[in-house]
Amino acid sequence: MTYTAESTMKIFICSNPKTVVETTAQFNTLSIDEQLALLWYIYTKIRIRRSVTPTTPGAARLQLAEGLLNEIKYMFHEEQLGVIRDLAASKNNPISRAYGILTPNTKLAFWYQLTESIEEGDIVPMPTFHQLSVSGSQVLTSIEVLDFGQQITVLRNVVANMGVDPLA
């Protein structure tokens, strides 16, 4: 069964919210590059990739995410990596501010689409030789043992805090 970000709203009440908070906190202690690598692994290696589609409520918001993604696609690979790092580090720049106004569900869709674009070769590729650090592997294991609703909650918490909210 495939879930959309919208359909998972019904299962977000987690049986162990402490685990979700702890796993999110673990993720946030990683370096920016390790966070990006972990997002790659989450979207490509565990069941989240097969279960979440880029469908989110609000087509206009999804178009904003697609617009940001298209803007990144037209950059050189070095620039792409810099912008993606800036998003994860919440550096204040135009793309981070545009990302910051997206809803959490649209941010989930953005990262899903970013992963798709990386696989298609439109965005700077993940190095083939990359291995997660011990800390990154521990966070990945923590995420893998969570139930689906908890995994999505951790992922939503992580991506929702990226970028810069220009209205805050």
C-alpha atoms as a PDB file:
ATOM      1  CA  MET A   1       0.000   0.000   0.000  1.00  0.00           C
ATOM      2  CA  THR A   2       1.277   3.455  -0.876  1.00  0.00           C
ATOM      3  CA  TYR A   3       0.701   6.320   1.508  1.00  0.00           C
ATOM      4  CA  THR A   4       0.683   9.978   0.736  1.00  0.00           C
ATOM      5  CA  ALA A   5       1.768  12.581   3.226  1.00  0.00           C
ATOM      6  CA  GLU A   6      -1.904  13.485   3.538  1.00  0.00           C
ATOM      7  CA  SER A   7      -3.094   9.948   4.262  1.00  0.00           C
ATOM      8  CA  THR A   8      -0.477   9.473   6.953  1.00  0.00           C
ATOM      9  CA  MET A   9      -1.909  12.353   8.976  1.00  0.00           C
ATOM     10  CA  LYS A  10      -4.291   9.814  10.515  1.00  0.00           C
ATOM     11  CA  ILE A  11      -1.462   7.700  11.922  1.00  0.00           C
ATOM     12  CA  PHE A  12       0.776  10.387  13.362  1.00  0.00           C
ATOM     13  CA  ILE A  13      -0.182   9.799  16.932  1.00  0.00           C
ATOM     14  CA  CYS A  14       2.892   7.850  17.905  1.00  0.00           C
ATOM     15  CA  SER A  15       2.842   5.144  20.523  1.00  0.00           C
ATOM     16  CA  ASN A  16       6.173   6.376  21.865  1.00  0.00           C
ATOM     17  CA  PRO A  17       6.667  10.097  21.221  1.00  0.00           C
ATOM     18  CA  LYS A  18       9.822  10.070  23.376  1.00  0.00           C
ATOM     19  CA  THR A  19      11.467   7.781  20.808  1.00  0.00           C
ATOM     20  CA  VAL A  20      10.496  10.183  18.019  1.00  0.00           C
ATOM     21  CA  VAL A  21      11.873  13.170  19.917  1.00  0.00           C
ATOM     22  CA  GLU A  22      15.083  11.327  20.793  1.00  0.00           C
ATOM     23  CA  THR A  23      15.601  10.107  17.218  1.00  0.00           C
ATOM     24  CA  THR A  24      14.984  13.600  15.836  1.00  0.00           C
ATOM     25  CA  ALA A  25      17.461  15.021  18.360  1.00  0.00           C
ATOM     26  CA  GLN A  26      20.022  12.357  17.358  1.00  0.00           C
ATOM     27  CA  PHE A  27      19.589  13.320  13.709  1.00  0.00           C
ATOM     28  CA  ASN A  28      20.097  16.997  14.494  1.00  0.00           C
ATOM     29  CA  THR A  29      23.449  16.329  16.214  1.00  0.00           C
ATOM     30  CA  LEU A  30      24.954  15.036  12.959  1.00  0.00           C
ATOM     31  CA  SER A  31      27.043  17.224  10.668  1.00  0.00           C
ATOM     32  CA  ILE A  32      25.195  18.834   7.760  1.00  0.00           C
ATOM     33  CA  ASP A  33      26.782  16.466   5.227  1.00  0.00           C
ATOM     34  CA  GLU A  34      25.907  13.467   7.387  1.00  0.00           C
ATOM     35  CA  GLN A  35      22.308  14.735   7.692  1.00  0.00           C
ATOM     36  CA  LEU A  36      22.087  15.016   3.915  1.00  0.00           C
ATOM     37  CA  ALA A  37      23.528  11.538   3.462  1.00  0.00           C
ATOM     38  CA  LEU A  38      21.090  10.167   6.012  1.00  0.00           C
ATOM     39  CA  LEU A  39      18.151  11.787   4.210  1.00  0.00           C
ATOM     40  CA  TRP A  40      19.395  10.092   1.037  1.00  0.00           C
ATOM     41  CA  TYR A  41      19.496   6.718   2.793  1.00  0.00           C
ATOM     42  CA  ILE A  42      16.082   7.239   4.370  1.00  0.00           C
ATOM     43  CA  TYR A  43      14.431   8.064   1.055  1.00  0.00           C
ATOM     44  CA  THR A  44      16.259   5.406  -0.964  1.00  0.00           C
ATOM     45  CA  LYS A  45      17.045   2.545   1.385  1.00  0.00           C
ATOM     46  CA  ILE A  46      14.167   2.088   3.815  1.00  0.00           C
ATOM     47  CA  ARG A  47      10.478   1.625   3.257  1.00  0.00           C
ATOM     48  CA  ILE A  48       9.695   5.347   3.411  1.00  0.00           C
ATOM     49  CA  ARG A  49      10.706   5.602  -0.239  1.00  0.00           C
ATOM     50  CA  ARG A  50       8.187   2.966  -1.254  1.00  0.00           C
ATOM     51  CA  SER A  51       5.466   4.330   0.989  1.00  0.00           C
ATOM     52  CA  VAL A  52       5.493   8.105   0.535  1.00  0.00           C
ATOM     53  CA  THR A  53       4.729   9.710  -2.776  1.00  0.00           C
ATOM     54  CA  PRO A  54       5.204  13.374  -3.655  1.00  0.00           C
ATOM     55  CA  THR A  55       1.459  13.933  -3.457  1.00  0.00           C
ATOM     56  CA  THR A  56       0.639  16.512  -0.829  1.00  0.00           C
ATOM     57  CA  PRO A  57      -2.402  18.691  -0.301  1.00  0.00           C
ATOM     58  CA  GLY A  58      -2.337  22.030  -1.999  1.00  0.00           C
ATOM     59  CA  ALA A  59      -1.142  22.013  -5.597  1.00  0.00           C
ATOM     60  CA  ALA A  60       0.049  25.627  -5.357  1.00  0.00           C
ATOM     61  CA  ARG A  61       2.405  24.741  -2.515  1.00  0.00           C
ATOM     62  CA  LEU A  62       3.680  21.734  -4.441  1.00  0.00           C
ATOM     63  CA  GLN A  63       4.323  24.033  -7.402  1.00  0.00           C
ATOM     64  CA  LEU A  64       6.447  26.220  -5.116  1.00  0.00           C
ATOM     65  CA  ALA A  65       8.517  23.175  -4.184  1.00  0.00           C
ATOM     66  CA  GLU A  66       8.849  22.220  -7.839  1.00  0.00           C
ATOM     67  CA  GLY A  67       9.902  25.777  -8.658  1.00  0.00           C
ATOM     68  CA  LEU A  68      12.659  25.627  -6.042  1.00  0.00           C
ATOM     69  CA  LEU A  69      13.761  22.252  -7.313  1.00  0.00           C
ATOM     70  CA  ASN A  70      13.873  23.525 -10.896  1.00  0.00           C
ATOM     71  CA  GLU A  71      15.929  26.520  -9.786  1.00  0.00           C
ATOM     72  CA  ILE A  72      18.432  24.147  -8.170  1.00  0.00           C
ATOM     73  CA  LYS A  73      18.493  21.876 -11.241  1.00  0.00           C
ATOM     74  CA  TYR A  74      19.796  24.723 -13.419  1.00  0.00           C
ATOM     75  CA  MET A  75      22.815  25.324 -11.183  1.00  0.00           C
ATOM     76  CA  PHE A  76      26.235  23.730 -11.545  1.00  0.00           C
ATOM     77  CA  HIS A  77      26.759  20.694  -9.282  1.00  0.00           C
ATOM     78  CA  GLU A  78      28.978  22.613  -6.878  1.00  0.00           C
ATOM     79  CA  GLU A  79      26.292  25.313  -6.512  1.00  0.00           C
ATOM     80  CA  GLN A  80      23.598  22.655  -6.058  1.00  0.00           C
ATOM     81  CA  LEU A  81      25.505  21.058  -3.211  1.00  0.00           C
ATOM     82  CA  GLY A  82      26.040  24.452  -1.601  1.00  0.00           C
ATOM     83  CA  VAL A  83      22.335  25.315  -1.771  1.00  0.00           C
ATOM     84  CA  ILE A  84      21.301  21.926  -0.394  1.00  0.00           C
ATOM     85  CA  ARG A  85      23.808  22.314   2.457  1.00  0.00           C
ATOM     86  CA  ASP A  86      22.473  25.823   3.110  1.00  0.00           C
ATOM     87  CA  LEU A  87      18.919  24.461   3.351  1.00  0.00           C
ATOM     88  CA  ALA A  88      19.956  21.823   5.866  1.00  0.00           C
ATOM     89  CA  ALA A  89      21.999  24.368   7.854  1.00  0.00           C
ATOM     90  CA  SER A  90      19.150  26.930   7.772  1.00  0.00           C
ATOM     91  CA  LYS A  91      21.404  29.593   6.278  1.00  0.00           C
ATOM     92  CA  ASN A  92      19.570  32.765   5.377  1.00  0.00           C
ATOM     93  CA  ASN A  93      19.440  33.110   1.594  1.00  0.00           C
ATOM     94  CA  PRO A  94      16.636  33.418  -0.986  1.00  0.00           C
ATOM     95  CA  ILE A  95      16.217  29.658  -1.557  1.00  0.00           C
ATOM     96  CA  SER A  96      16.238  28.879   2.172  1.00  0.00           C
ATOM     97  CA  ARG A  97      13.624  31.586   2.743  1.00  0.00           C
ATOM     98  CA  ALA A  98      11.441  30.276  -0.097  1.00  0.00           C
ATOM     99  CA  TYR A  99      11.753  26.760   1.339  1.00  0.00           C
ATOM    100  CA  GLY A 100      10.989  28.097   4.828  1.00  0.00           C
ATOM    101  CA  ILE A 101       7.450  29.143   3.885  1.00  0.00           C
ATOM    102  CA  LEU A 102       6.515  25.659   2.644  1.00  0.00           C
ATOM    103  CA  THR A 103       4.297  23.461   4.775  1.00  0.00           C
ATOM    104  CA  PRO A 104       5.880  20.413   6.438  1.00  0.00           C
ATOM    105  CA  ASN A 105       4.103  18.100   3.966  1.00  0.00           C
ATOM    106  CA  THR A 106       5.369  20.121   1.024  1.00  0.00           C
ATOM    107  CA  LYS A 107       8.877  19.989   2.497  1.00  0.00           C
ATOM    108  CA  LEU A 108       8.565  16.180   2.614  1.00  0.00           C
ATOM    109  CA  ALA A 109       7.564  16.252  -1.055  1.00  0.00           C
ATOM    110  CA  PHE A 110      10.473  18.571  -1.872  1.00  0.00           C
ATOM    111  CA  TRP A 111      13.016  16.123  -0.409  1.00  0.00           C
ATOM    112  CA  TYR A 112      11.309  13.215  -2.137  1.00  0.00           C
ATOM    113  CA  GLN A 113      11.543  15.036  -5.469  1.00  0.00           C
ATOM    114  CA  LEU A 114      15.120  16.081  -4.736  1.00  0.00           C
ATOM    115  CA  THR A 115      16.044  12.422  -4.213  1.00  0.00           C
ATOM    116  CA  GLU A 116      14.332  11.533  -7.489  1.00  0.00           C
ATOM    117  CA  SER A 117      16.277  14.278  -9.267  1.00  0.00           C
ATOM    118  CA  ILE A 118      19.539  13.017  -7.812  1.00  0.00           C
ATOM    119  CA  GLU A 119      18.785   9.533  -9.118  1.00  0.00           C
ATOM    120  CA  GLU A 120      17.888  10.952 -12.534  1.00  0.00           C
ATOM    121  CA  GLY A 121      21.198  12.843 -12.655  1.00  0.00           C
ATOM    122  CA  ASP A 122      19.657  16.328 -12.591  1.00  0.00           C
ATOM    123  CA  ILE A 123      21.091  17.135  -9.155  1.00  0.00           C
ATOM    124  CA  VAL A 124      24.615  16.543  -7.842  1.00  0.00           C
ATOM    125  CA  PRO A 125      24.911  12.794  -7.204  1.00  0.00           C
ATOM    126  CA  MET A 126      25.529  11.111  -3.904  1.00  0.00           C
ATOM    127  CA  PRO A 127      29.126   9.852  -3.940  1.00  0.00           C
ATOM    128  CA  THR A 128      29.089   6.125  -4.673  1.00  0.00           C
ATOM    129  CA  PHE A 129      31.791   5.482  -2.096  1.00  0.00           C
ATOM    130  CA  HIS A 130      30.036   7.269   0.775  1.00  0.00           C
ATOM    131  CA  GLN A 131      29.437   5.347   3.979  1.00  0.00           C
ATOM    132  CA  LEU A 132      27.550   6.701   6.942  1.00  0.00           C
ATOM    133  CA  SER A 133      29.559   7.447  10.060  1.00  0.00           C
ATOM    134  CA  VAL A 134      29.001   5.361  13.169  1.00  0.00           C
ATOM    135  CA  SER A 135      26.669   8.086  14.495  1.00  0.00           C
ATOM    136  CA  GLY A 136      24.806   8.290  11.189  1.00  0.00           C
ATOM    137  CA  SER A 137      24.402   4.519  11.112  1.00  0.00           C
ATOM    138  CA  GLN A 138      23.050   4.575  14.659  1.00  0.00           C
ATOM    139  CA  VAL A 139      20.450   7.189  13.708  1.00  0.00           C
ATOM    140  CA  LEU A 140      19.496   5.172  10.605  1.00  0.00           C
ATOM    141  CA  THR A 141      19.045   2.071  12.759  1.00  0.00           C
ATOM    142  CA  SER A 142      16.938   4.085  15.213  1.00  0.00           C
ATOM    143  CA  ILE A 143      14.720   5.205  12.334  1.00  0.00           C
ATOM    144  CA  GLU A 144      14.473   1.742  10.781  1.00  0.00           C
ATOM    145  CA  VAL A 145      13.090   0.189  13.982  1.00  0.00           C
ATOM    146  CA  LEU A 146      10.335   2.806  14.305  1.00  0.00           C
ATOM    147  CA  ASP A 147       6.902   2.079  12.917  1.00  0.00           C
ATOM    148  CA  PHE A 148       5.905   3.853   9.733  1.00  0.00           C
ATOM    149  CA  GLY A 149       4.037   6.699  11.458  1.00  0.00           C
ATOM    150  CA  GLN A 150       6.997   7.377  13.716  1.00  0.00           C
ATOM    151  CA  GLN A 151       9.412   7.320  10.775  1.00  0.00           C
ATOM    152  CA  ILE A 152       7.348   9.927   8.942  1.00  0.00           C
ATOM    153  CA  THR A 153       7.079  12.043  12.089  1.00  0.00           C
ATOM    154  CA  VAL A 154      10.875  12.024  12.527  1.00  0.00           C
ATOM    155  CA  LEU A 155      11.371  12.853   8.867  1.00  0.00           C
ATOM    156  CA  ARG A 156       8.779  15.631   9.020  1.00  0.00           C
ATOM    157  CA  ASN A 157      10.400  17.070  12.164  1.00  0.00           C
ATOM    158  CA  VAL A 158      13.789  17.086  10.469  1.00  0.00           C
ATOM    159  CA  VAL A 159      12.788  18.701   7.176  1.00  0.00           C
ATOM    160  CA  ALA A 160      10.355  21.132   8.801  1.00  0.00           C
ATOM    161  CA  ASN A 161      13.230  22.736  10.704  1.00  0.00           C
ATOM    162  CA  MET A 162      15.383  23.240   7.624  1.00  0.00           C
ATOM    163  CA  GLY A 163      15.467  26.470   5.691  1.00  0.00           C
ATOM    164  CA  VAL A 164      14.593  29.884   7.094  1.00  0.00           C
ATOM    165  CA  ASP A 165      11.061  31.028   7.822  1.00  0.00           C
ATOM    166  CA  PRO A 166      11.030  34.642   6.630  1.00  0.00           C
ATOM    167  CA  LEU A 167       7.834  35.274   8.556  1.00  0.00           C
ATOM    168  CA  ALA A 168       9.258  34.268  11.938  1.00  0.00           C
END
